[in-house]
Amino acid sequence: MGISNDSIDQIKLEVINCKLCNLCINRTNAVPGDGNPKANIMFIGEAPGRNEDEKGKPFVGMAGKILDEALAKVGLVRSRIYITNIVKCRPPSNRVPTEDERRVCKSYLEREISIVSPKIICILGRTAYQSLLGGGSVLGNRGKFIQKDNRLYFITVHPAAIIYNNKLRNVLENDMQTLVMECRRLEIPI
């Protein structure tokens, strides 16, 4: 269970005012994590996109719509989860965040994970997979659970990948079903 909403609020304030790397120069808004600070499932993606940068909230663009649809199909809603990104500001032209950018934001993410203390962390895409578990190919490992440092991780595709390859929609939806089935098996309320 999470410790306190105030701690998440503190992280949000720090993220909004962050100037630790050059991503702050061109951003409209930093994008702190959002959702239930006592969530049993935390979703972690790569970085904010254009819509997220404009609104200051994670997963509000097309990728967010795709994720919301996949969640709805298995009975999950945003109000019951916590969602964040590896980096909190949009990289120029939506490029992959650099190692340095990921390193700078790492303390925010580690604090979010510590405070929310989710039972399962759902990793969305390659950048999050590499950053959190040092992994490589998502497609070779998606749909799998990995235990590391007393945390249970679940790997799936990033919903933005579906924008470019609609065949991955079924992959994401099937993975969400697997996630929910594992929550039920482990008696994790969702």
C-alpha atoms as a PDB file:
ATOM      1  CA  MET A   1       0.000   0.000   0.000  1.00  0.00           C
ATOM      2  CA  GLY A   2       1.121   3.547  -0.619  1.00  0.00           C
ATOM      3  CA  ILE A   3       2.422   5.730   2.171  1.00  0.00           C
ATOM      4  CA  SER A   4       0.877   9.122   1.499  1.00  0.00           C
ATOM      5  CA  ASN A   5      -0.636  11.205  -1.254  1.00  0.00           C
ATOM      6  CA  ASP A   6       1.477  14.128   0.017  1.00  0.00           C
ATOM      7  CA  SER A   7       4.652  12.321  -1.043  1.00  0.00           C
ATOM      8  CA  ILE A   8       3.318  11.824  -4.574  1.00  0.00           C
ATOM      9  CA  ASP A   9       2.293  15.491  -4.537  1.00  0.00           C
ATOM     10  CA  GLN A  10       5.858  16.419  -3.557  1.00  0.00           C
ATOM     11  CA  ILE A  11       7.267  14.428  -6.492  1.00  0.00           C
ATOM     12  CA  LYS A  12       4.782  16.098  -8.847  1.00  0.00           C
ATOM     13  CA  LEU A  13       5.885  19.519  -7.638  1.00  0.00           C
ATOM     14  CA  GLU A  14       9.557  18.633  -8.127  1.00  0.00           C
ATOM     15  CA  VAL A  15       8.910  17.220 -11.613  1.00  0.00           C
ATOM     16  CA  ILE A  16       6.931  20.284 -12.683  1.00  0.00           C
ATOM     17  CA  ASN A  17       9.805  22.548 -11.590  1.00  0.00           C
ATOM     18  CA  CYS A  18      12.652  20.270 -12.743  1.00  0.00           C
ATOM     19  CA  LYS A  19      15.557  21.787 -14.683  1.00  0.00           C
ATOM     20  CA  LEU A  20      18.029  18.904 -14.281  1.00  0.00           C
ATOM     21  CA  CYS A  21      18.474  18.213 -18.005  1.00  0.00           C
ATOM     22  CA  ASN A  22      17.979  19.936 -21.347  1.00  0.00           C
ATOM     23  CA  LEU A  23      14.535  18.413 -21.926  1.00  0.00           C
ATOM     24  CA  CYS A  24      13.133  21.237 -19.792  1.00  0.00           C
ATOM     25  CA  ILE A  25      14.155  23.815 -22.411  1.00  0.00           C
ATOM     26  CA  ASN A  26      11.552  22.937 -25.053  1.00  0.00           C
ATOM     27  CA  ARG A  27       8.806  21.409 -22.948  1.00  0.00           C
ATOM     28  CA  THR A  28       5.413  22.980 -22.497  1.00  0.00           C
ATOM     29  CA  ASN A  29       4.739  20.934 -19.361  1.00  0.00           C
ATOM     30  CA  ALA A  30       6.632  18.329 -17.412  1.00  0.00           C
ATOM     31  CA  VAL A  31       4.508  15.201 -17.026  1.00  0.00           C
ATOM     32  CA  PRO A  32       4.551  13.637 -13.564  1.00  0.00           C
ATOM     33  CA  GLY A  33       2.895  10.306 -12.855  1.00  0.00           C
ATOM     34  CA  ASP A  34      -0.845  10.222 -12.345  1.00  0.00           C
ATOM     35  CA  GLY A  35      -3.469   7.994 -10.841  1.00  0.00           C
ATOM     36  CA  ASN A  36      -4.193   6.147  -7.639  1.00  0.00           C
ATOM     37  CA  PRO A  37      -1.262   6.540  -5.200  1.00  0.00           C
ATOM     38  CA  LYS A  38      -2.343   3.268  -3.570  1.00  0.00           C
ATOM     39  CA  ALA A  39      -2.686   1.322  -6.817  1.00  0.00           C
ATOM     40  CA  ASN A  40      -1.871  -2.372  -6.950  1.00  0.00           C
ATOM     41  CA  ILE A  41      -0.777  -2.017 -10.578  1.00  0.00           C
ATOM     42  CA  MET A  42       1.624   0.633 -11.862  1.00  0.00           C
ATOM     43  CA  PHE A  43       2.130   1.152 -15.600  1.00  0.00           C
ATOM     44  CA  ILE A  44       5.442   2.615 -16.758  1.00  0.00           C
ATOM     45  CA  GLY A  45       6.002   3.875 -20.301  1.00  0.00           C
ATOM     46  CA  GLU A  46       8.825   5.657 -22.096  1.00  0.00           C
ATOM     47  CA  ALA A  47       8.251   9.421 -22.215  1.00  0.00           C
ATOM     48  CA  PRO A  48       5.526  11.996 -22.794  1.00  0.00           C
ATOM     49  CA  GLY A  49       4.444  12.722 -26.359  1.00  0.00           C
ATOM     50  CA  ARG A  50       3.039  15.925 -27.850  1.00  0.00           C
ATOM     51  CA  ASN A  51      -0.417  15.625 -26.247  1.00  0.00           C
ATOM     52  CA  GLU A  52       1.053  14.761 -22.869  1.00  0.00           C
ATOM     53  CA  ASP A  53       3.440  17.722 -23.109  1.00  0.00           C
ATOM     54  CA  GLU A  54       0.498  20.025 -23.861  1.00  0.00           C
ATOM     55  CA  LYS A  55      -1.716  18.715 -21.048  1.00  0.00           C
ATOM     56  CA  GLY A  56       0.864  17.760 -18.408  1.00  0.00           C
ATOM     57  CA  LYS A  57      -0.657  14.291 -17.908  1.00  0.00           C
ATOM     58  CA  PRO A  58       0.629  10.873 -18.992  1.00  0.00           C
ATOM     59  CA  PHE A  59      -1.015   8.818 -21.734  1.00  0.00           C
ATOM     60  CA  VAL A  60      -3.649  11.317 -22.903  1.00  0.00           C
ATOM     61  CA  GLY A  61      -2.926  11.118 -26.649  1.00  0.00           C
ATOM     62  CA  MET A  62      -3.589   8.311 -29.125  1.00  0.00           C
ATOM     63  CA  ALA A  63      -1.397   5.836 -27.191  1.00  0.00           C
ATOM     64  CA  GLY A  64      -3.378   6.663 -24.060  1.00  0.00           C
ATOM     65  CA  LYS A  65      -6.652   6.041 -25.879  1.00  0.00           C
ATOM     66  CA  ILE A  66      -5.363   2.656 -27.067  1.00  0.00           C
ATOM     67  CA  LEU A  67      -4.236   1.785 -23.539  1.00  0.00           C
ATOM     68  CA  ASP A  68      -7.573   2.872 -22.048  1.00  0.00           C
ATOM     69  CA  GLU A  69      -9.427   0.660 -24.545  1.00  0.00           C
ATOM     70  CA  ALA A  70      -7.237  -2.347 -23.697  1.00  0.00           C
ATOM     71  CA  LEU A  71      -7.718  -1.714 -19.973  1.00  0.00           C
ATOM     72  CA  ALA A  72     -11.484  -1.357 -20.355  1.00  0.00           C
ATOM     73  CA  LYS A  73     -11.717  -4.712 -22.138  1.00  0.00           C
ATOM     74  CA  VAL A  74     -10.395  -6.420 -19.000  1.00  0.00           C
ATOM     75  CA  GLY A  75     -12.247  -4.257 -16.490  1.00  0.00           C
ATOM     76  CA  LEU A  76      -9.393  -1.951 -15.468  1.00  0.00           C
ATOM     77  CA  VAL A  77      -9.874   1.802 -15.208  1.00  0.00           C
ATOM     78  CA  ARG A  78      -7.411   4.668 -14.795  1.00  0.00           C
ATOM     79  CA  SER A  79      -8.755   5.589 -11.362  1.00  0.00           C
ATOM     80  CA  ARG A  80      -7.546   2.211 -10.025  1.00  0.00           C
ATOM     81  CA  ILE A  81      -4.015   2.300 -11.458  1.00  0.00           C
ATOM     82  CA  TYR A  82      -0.980   4.569 -11.343  1.00  0.00           C
ATOM     83  CA  ILE A  83       0.705   5.482 -14.608  1.00  0.00           C
ATOM     84  CA  THR A  84       4.028   7.188 -15.236  1.00  0.00           C
ATOM     85  CA  ASN A  85       6.998   7.315 -17.593  1.00  0.00           C
ATOM     86  CA  ILE A  86      10.721   6.696 -17.436  1.00  0.00           C
ATOM     87  CA  VAL A  87      11.354  10.372 -18.280  1.00  0.00           C
ATOM     88  CA  LYS A  88       8.999  13.179 -17.365  1.00  0.00           C
ATOM     89  CA  CYS A  89       9.544  15.598 -20.277  1.00  0.00           C
ATOM     90  CA  ARG A  90       9.002  15.124 -24.003  1.00  0.00           C
ATOM     91  CA  PRO A  91      12.184  14.445 -25.965  1.00  0.00           C
ATOM     92  CA  PRO A  92      12.425  16.508 -29.187  1.00  0.00           C
ATOM     93  CA  SER A  93      10.622  14.867 -32.125  1.00  0.00           C
ATOM     94  CA  ASN A  94       9.524  12.069 -29.765  1.00  0.00           C
ATOM     95  CA  ARG A  95      12.959  10.468 -29.988  1.00  0.00           C
ATOM     96  CA  VAL A  96      13.980   7.769 -27.501  1.00  0.00           C
ATOM     97  CA  PRO A  97      15.263   9.341 -24.265  1.00  0.00           C
ATOM     98  CA  THR A  98      19.040   9.247 -23.863  1.00  0.00           C
ATOM     99  CA  GLU A  99      20.795   7.352 -21.067  1.00  0.00           C
ATOM    100  CA  ASP A 100      21.537  10.676 -19.338  1.00  0.00           C
ATOM    101  CA  GLU A 101      17.893  11.782 -19.527  1.00  0.00           C
ATOM    102  CA  ARG A 102      16.777   8.463 -18.085  1.00  0.00           C
ATOM    103  CA  ARG A 103      19.385   8.684 -15.335  1.00  0.00           C
ATOM    104  CA  VAL A 104      18.285  12.200 -14.337  1.00  0.00           C
ATOM    105  CA  CYS A 105      14.634  11.130 -14.013  1.00  0.00           C
ATOM    106  CA  LYS A 106      15.442   7.824 -12.308  1.00  0.00           C
ATOM    107  CA  SER A 107      15.123   9.187  -8.771  1.00  0.00           C
ATOM    108  CA  TYR A 108      11.596  10.455  -9.492  1.00  0.00           C
ATOM    109  CA  LEU A 109      10.585   7.041 -10.797  1.00  0.00           C
ATOM    110  CA  GLU A 110      12.202   5.160  -7.921  1.00  0.00           C
ATOM    111  CA  ARG A 111      10.374   7.378  -5.427  1.00  0.00           C
ATOM    112  CA  GLU A 112       7.060   6.865  -7.250  1.00  0.00           C
ATOM    113  CA  ILE A 113       7.546   3.101  -7.119  1.00  0.00           C
ATOM    114  CA  SER A 114       8.502   3.246  -3.443  1.00  0.00           C
ATOM    115  CA  ILE A 115       5.514   5.381  -2.435  1.00  0.00           C
ATOM    116  CA  VAL A 116       2.869   3.631  -4.528  1.00  0.00           C
ATOM    117  CA  SER A 117       4.385   0.238  -3.727  1.00  0.00           C
ATOM    118  CA  PRO A 118       2.431  -1.606  -6.423  1.00  0.00           C
ATOM    119  CA  LYS A 119       2.035  -5.369  -6.361  1.00  0.00           C
ATOM    120  CA  ILE A 120       2.762  -5.495 -10.115  1.00  0.00           C
ATOM    121  CA  ILE A 121       4.652  -3.084 -12.355  1.00  0.00           C
ATOM    122  CA  CYS A 122       3.509  -3.300 -15.965  1.00  0.00           C
ATOM    123  CA  ILE A 123       6.344  -2.299 -18.279  1.00  0.00           C
ATOM    124  CA  LEU A 124       5.155  -0.678 -21.513  1.00  0.00           C
ATOM    125  CA  GLY A 125       7.710  -1.035 -24.290  1.00  0.00           C
ATOM    126  CA  ARG A 126      11.422  -1.379 -24.909  1.00  0.00           C
ATOM    127  CA  THR A 127      12.722   1.795 -23.255  1.00  0.00           C
ATOM    128  CA  ALA A 128      10.946   1.049 -19.984  1.00  0.00           C
ATOM    129  CA  TYR A 129      12.039  -2.601 -20.206  1.00  0.00           C
ATOM    130  CA  GLN A 130      15.682  -1.617 -20.729  1.00  0.00           C
ATOM    131  CA  SER A 131      15.576   1.029 -18.016  1.00  0.00           C
ATOM    132  CA  LEU A 132      13.917  -1.115 -15.358  1.00  0.00           C
ATOM    133  CA  LEU A 133      15.205  -4.610 -16.077  1.00  0.00           C
ATOM    134  CA  GLY A 134      18.076  -4.170 -18.514  1.00  0.00           C
ATOM    135  CA  GLY A 135      16.077  -6.128 -21.076  1.00  0.00           C
ATOM    136  CA  GLY A 136      16.269  -6.110 -24.844  1.00  0.00           C
ATOM    137  CA  SER A 137      13.464  -7.228 -27.115  1.00  0.00           C
ATOM    138  CA  VAL A 138       9.961  -6.740 -25.776  1.00  0.00           C
ATOM    139  CA  LEU A 139       8.348  -9.035 -28.344  1.00  0.00           C
ATOM    140  CA  GLY A 140      10.497 -11.948 -27.184  1.00  0.00           C
ATOM    141  CA  ASN A 141       9.575 -11.373 -23.537  1.00  0.00           C
ATOM    142  CA  ARG A 142       6.145  -9.768 -23.585  1.00  0.00           C
ATOM    143  CA  GLY A 143       3.393 -11.442 -21.659  1.00  0.00           C
ATOM    144  CA  LYS A 144       5.907 -12.660 -19.084  1.00  0.00           C
ATOM    145  CA  PHE A 145       6.267 -11.934 -15.394  1.00  0.00           C
ATOM    146  CA  ILE A 146       9.706 -11.317 -13.925  1.00  0.00           C
ATOM    147  CA  GLN A 147      10.528 -11.168 -10.230  1.00  0.00           C
ATOM    148  CA  LYS A 148      13.375  -8.774  -9.373  1.00  0.00           C
ATOM    149  CA  ASP A 149      14.303  -7.020  -6.130  1.00  0.00           C
ATOM    150  CA  ASN A 150      11.102  -8.196  -4.419  1.00  0.00           C
ATOM    151  CA  ARG A 151       8.974  -6.677  -7.186  1.00  0.00           C
ATOM    152  CA  LEU A 152       6.854  -8.424  -9.792  1.00  0.00           C
ATOM    153  CA  TYR A 153       7.158  -6.976 -13.299  1.00  0.00           C
ATOM    154  CA  PHE A 154       5.002  -7.709 -16.327  1.00  0.00           C
ATOM    155  CA  ILE A 155       6.231  -6.868 -19.831  1.00  0.00           C
ATOM    156  CA  THR A 156       4.112  -5.806 -22.779  1.00  0.00           C
ATOM    157  CA  VAL A 157       4.259  -3.636 -25.879  1.00  0.00           C
ATOM    158  CA  HIS A 158       3.949   0.131 -25.663  1.00  0.00           C
ATOM    159  CA  PRO A 159       0.504   1.226 -26.875  1.00  0.00           C
ATOM    160  CA  ALA A 160       2.156   3.746 -29.233  1.00  0.00           C
ATOM    161  CA  ALA A 161       3.540   0.788 -31.218  1.00  0.00           C
ATOM    162  CA  ILE A 162      -0.050  -0.049 -32.189  1.00  0.00           C
ATOM    163  CA  ILE A 163      -0.371   3.311 -33.958  1.00  0.00           C
ATOM    164  CA  TYR A 164       2.249   2.043 -36.431  1.00  0.00           C
ATOM    165  CA  ASN A 165       1.382  -1.666 -36.364  1.00  0.00           C
ATOM    166  CA  ASN A 166      -2.272  -2.389 -35.634  1.00  0.00           C
ATOM    167  CA  LYS A 167      -1.545  -6.135 -35.448  1.00  0.00           C
ATOM    168  CA  LEU A 168      -0.046  -5.440 -32.020  1.00  0.00           C
ATOM    169  CA  ARG A 169      -3.474  -4.414 -30.673  1.00  0.00           C
ATOM    170  CA  ASN A 170      -4.370  -8.061 -30.043  1.00  0.00           C
ATOM    171  CA  VAL A 171      -0.985  -8.573 -28.386  1.00  0.00           C
ATOM    172  CA  LEU A 172      -1.639  -5.721 -25.939  1.00  0.00           C
ATOM    173  CA  GLU A 173      -5.202  -6.860 -25.265  1.00  0.00           C
ATOM    174  CA  ASN A 174      -4.116 -10.471 -24.684  1.00  0.00           C
ATOM    175  CA  ASP A 175      -1.340  -9.283 -22.388  1.00  0.00           C
ATOM    176  CA  MET A 176      -3.817  -7.214 -20.359  1.00  0.00           C
ATOM    177  CA  GLN A 177      -5.948 -10.343 -20.000  1.00  0.00           C
ATOM    178  CA  THR A 178      -2.880 -12.262 -18.766  1.00  0.00           C
ATOM    179  CA  LEU A 179      -2.139  -9.464 -16.295  1.00  0.00           C
ATOM    180  CA  VAL A 180      -5.668  -9.532 -14.880  1.00  0.00           C
ATOM    181  CA  MET A 181      -5.674 -13.342 -14.636  1.00  0.00           C
ATOM    182  CA  GLU A 182      -2.411 -13.224 -12.666  1.00  0.00           C
ATOM    183  CA  CYS A 183      -3.863 -10.568 -10.351  1.00  0.00           C
ATOM    184  CA  ARG A 184      -6.806 -12.854  -9.673  1.00  0.00           C
ATOM    185  CA  ARG A 185      -4.542 -15.859  -9.147  1.00  0.00           C
ATOM    186  CA  LEU A 186      -2.432 -13.887  -6.660  1.00  0.00           C
ATOM    187  CA  GLU A 187      -5.582 -12.413  -5.090  1.00  0.00           C
ATOM    188  CA  ILE A 188      -4.492  -8.870  -5.895  1.00  0.00           C
ATOM    189  CA  PRO A 189      -7.521  -6.556  -5.909  1.00  0.00           C
ATOM    190  CA  ILE A 190      -7.919  -4.657  -9.155  1.00  0.00           C
END
